[in-house]
Amino acid sequence: MADLHAVYYRAPDGSEPVRDFLDALQGEVAATLALQIDRLNLLSDEVPHLPFPHSSQVDGELRELRCHHGRQLFRVLYRRSDRLLILLHIFAKRTAKIPGSEITIAHDRWADFKARMDADPRRPPRAAGHDAP
């Protein structure tokens, strides 16, 4: 079975909030986070999750990728859709617990993603790339 593939959630307006967040960071910070996010592409059915402390379950099937650059902490909230890991939301972590508002953003984006994916026919913009489901 093929490995899983991490992709950015694409909003109905065509924006990609996680990519936009990374693009707004300083070069070294963005590069470090991109490498940490890339670890998700190593996952497969045999190894479906990175072990703690790299990743953990947040709420139901919503998971967090725990990223850092020096003392700066970041969280990427994501969910699996078949062979894809949808990167729904990213934020700088400043509190011990993930704020409910950050979880709500991820859930809302997942609901939007699923609604468009489950539509018949699927409604653009698609999850990622021209050949994405």
Protein backbone atom coordinates (compact mmCIF):
# COMPACT_ATOMS: atom_id res chain seq x y z
CA MET A 1 0.00 0.00 0.00
CA ALA A 2 1.29 3.47 -0.86
CA ASP A 3 2.42 5.87 1.78
CA LEU A 4 0.18 8.63 3.04
CA HIS A 5 0.60 12.10 1.59
CA ALA A 6 0.24 15.39 3.49
CA VAL A 7 -1.58 18.13 1.57
CA TYR A 8 -2.72 21.64 2.42
CA TYR A 9 -6.43 22.25 2.95
CA ARG A 10 -7.66 24.57 0.21
CA ALA A 11 -10.49 26.94 1.14
CA PRO A 12 -13.41 27.65 -1.22
CA ASP A 13 -11.72 30.93 -2.21
CA GLY A 14 -8.61 28.99 -3.32
CA SER A 15 -6.41 30.07 -0.39
CA GLU A 16 -4.36 27.55 1.57
CA PRO A 17 -4.29 28.79 5.20
CA VAL A 18 -1.48 26.51 6.42
CA ARG A 19 0.75 27.35 3.44
CA ASP A 20 -0.07 31.06 3.88
CA PHE A 21 0.91 30.87 7.57
CA LEU A 22 4.23 29.19 6.69
CA ASP A 23 4.91 31.69 3.89
CA ALA A 24 4.50 34.56 6.38
CA LEU A 25 7.19 33.17 8.73
CA GLN A 26 10.88 34.00 8.55
CA GLY A 27 12.80 31.72 6.19
CA GLU A 28 14.59 29.57 8.76
CA VAL A 29 11.47 29.08 10.89
CA ALA A 30 9.36 28.17 7.85
CA ALA A 31 12.02 25.74 6.59
CA THR A 32 12.24 24.02 9.98
CA LEU A 33 8.46 23.63 10.19
CA ALA A 34 8.28 22.38 6.60
CA LEU A 35 10.78 19.63 7.45
CA GLN A 36 8.74 18.66 10.49
CA ILE A 37 5.52 18.62 8.46
CA ASP A 38 7.26 16.50 5.82
CA ARG A 39 7.60 13.69 8.40
CA LEU A 40 3.90 13.03 7.83
CA ASN A 41 4.78 11.80 4.34
CA LEU A 42 6.66 8.90 5.95
CA LEU A 43 3.43 7.49 7.38
CA SER A 44 1.65 4.45 5.97
CA ASP A 45 -1.08 2.01 6.93
CA GLU A 46 1.53 0.09 8.92
CA VAL A 47 2.67 3.27 10.73
CA PRO A 48 -0.42 5.51 10.69
CA HIS A 49 0.74 8.09 13.25
CA LEU A 50 3.95 9.65 14.44
CA PRO A 51 4.60 8.69 18.06
CA PHE A 52 4.19 11.08 20.97
CA PRO A 53 5.70 13.68 21.48
CA HIS A 54 5.72 14.36 17.71
CA SER A 55 1.98 13.87 17.27
CA SER A 56 -1.07 13.23 19.40
CA GLN A 57 -4.84 12.89 19.15
CA VAL A 58 -6.76 16.11 19.78
CA ASP A 59 -10.46 15.39 19.28
CA GLY A 60 -11.86 12.31 17.56
CA GLU A 61 -9.83 11.79 14.38
CA LEU A 62 -8.33 15.28 14.58
CA ARG A 63 -4.62 15.06 15.37
CA GLU A 64 -1.90 17.58 16.09
CA LEU A 65 1.61 17.62 14.71
CA ARG A 66 3.77 19.16 17.40
CA CYS A 67 6.37 21.41 15.75
CA HIS A 68 8.97 23.76 17.16
CA HIS A 69 11.77 26.09 16.18
CA GLY A 70 13.94 26.78 19.20
CA ARG A 71 11.57 27.94 21.92
CA GLN A 72 8.76 28.75 19.48
CA LEU A 73 6.04 26.10 19.53
CA PHE A 74 3.57 25.47 16.71
CA ARG A 75 0.75 23.01 16.17
CA VAL A 76 -0.56 21.71 12.86
CA LEU A 77 -4.04 20.22 13.12
CA TYR A 78 -4.79 17.55 10.52
CA ARG A 79 -7.04 14.62 9.63
CA ARG A 80 -6.77 11.66 7.33
CA SER A 81 -8.90 11.29 4.21
CA ASP A 82 -8.13 7.99 2.49
CA ARG A 83 -4.45 8.32 1.41
CA LEU A 84 -4.25 12.04 2.23
CA LEU A 85 -3.43 13.82 5.47
CA ILE A 86 -5.24 17.15 5.23
CA LEU A 87 -3.34 19.96 6.96
CA LEU A 88 -6.28 21.98 8.23
CA HIS A 89 -4.85 24.61 10.56
CA ILE A 90 -1.57 25.85 12.04
CA PHE A 91 -0.97 28.23 14.92
CA ALA A 92 1.70 29.35 17.35
CA LYS A 93 1.13 27.56 20.65
CA ARG A 94 1.18 29.89 23.64
CA THR A 95 -0.91 28.00 26.20
CA ALA A 96 -0.68 24.56 27.80
CA LYS A 97 -3.94 23.40 26.23
CA ILE A 98 -5.02 23.90 22.62
CA PRO A 99 -7.63 26.69 22.64
CA GLY A 100 -11.12 25.55 21.64
CA SER A 101 -11.22 28.26 18.98
CA GLU A 102 -8.25 26.65 17.18
CA ILE A 103 -9.95 23.24 17.26
CA THR A 104 -13.16 24.81 15.94
CA ILE A 105 -11.29 26.27 12.96
CA ALA A 106 -9.90 22.83 12.10
CA HIS A 107 -13.33 21.18 12.47
CA ASP A 108 -14.97 23.84 10.28
CA ARG A 109 -12.34 23.40 7.57
CA TRP A 110 -12.73 19.61 7.74
CA ALA A 111 -16.52 19.96 7.36
CA ASP A 112 -15.99 22.19 4.31
CA PHE A 113 -13.43 19.77 2.83
CA LYS A 114 -15.73 16.77 3.32
CA ALA A 115 -18.76 18.59 1.91
CA ARG A 116 -16.87 19.43 -1.27
CA MET A 117 -15.26 16.00 -1.54
CA ASP A 118 -18.57 14.20 -1.01
CA ALA A 119 -20.50 16.41 -3.46
CA ASP A 120 -21.56 14.76 -6.69
CA PRO A 121 -19.84 16.00 -8.75
CA ARG A 122 -17.02 17.23 -6.53
CA ARG A 123 -16.91 20.99 -6.30
CA PRO A 124 -13.68 22.91 -6.98
CA PRO A 125 -11.33 24.05 -5.70
CA ARG A 126 -10.08 20.60 -4.93
CA ALA A 127 -7.98 19.59 -1.95
CA ALA A 128 -4.64 19.93 -3.72
CA GLY A 129 -3.26 20.05 -7.21
CA HIS A 130 -5.00 19.45 -10.51
CA ASP A 131 -5.22 15.68 -10.06
CA ALA A 132 -6.22 15.57 -6.39
CA PRO A 133 -9.49 13.98 -5.37
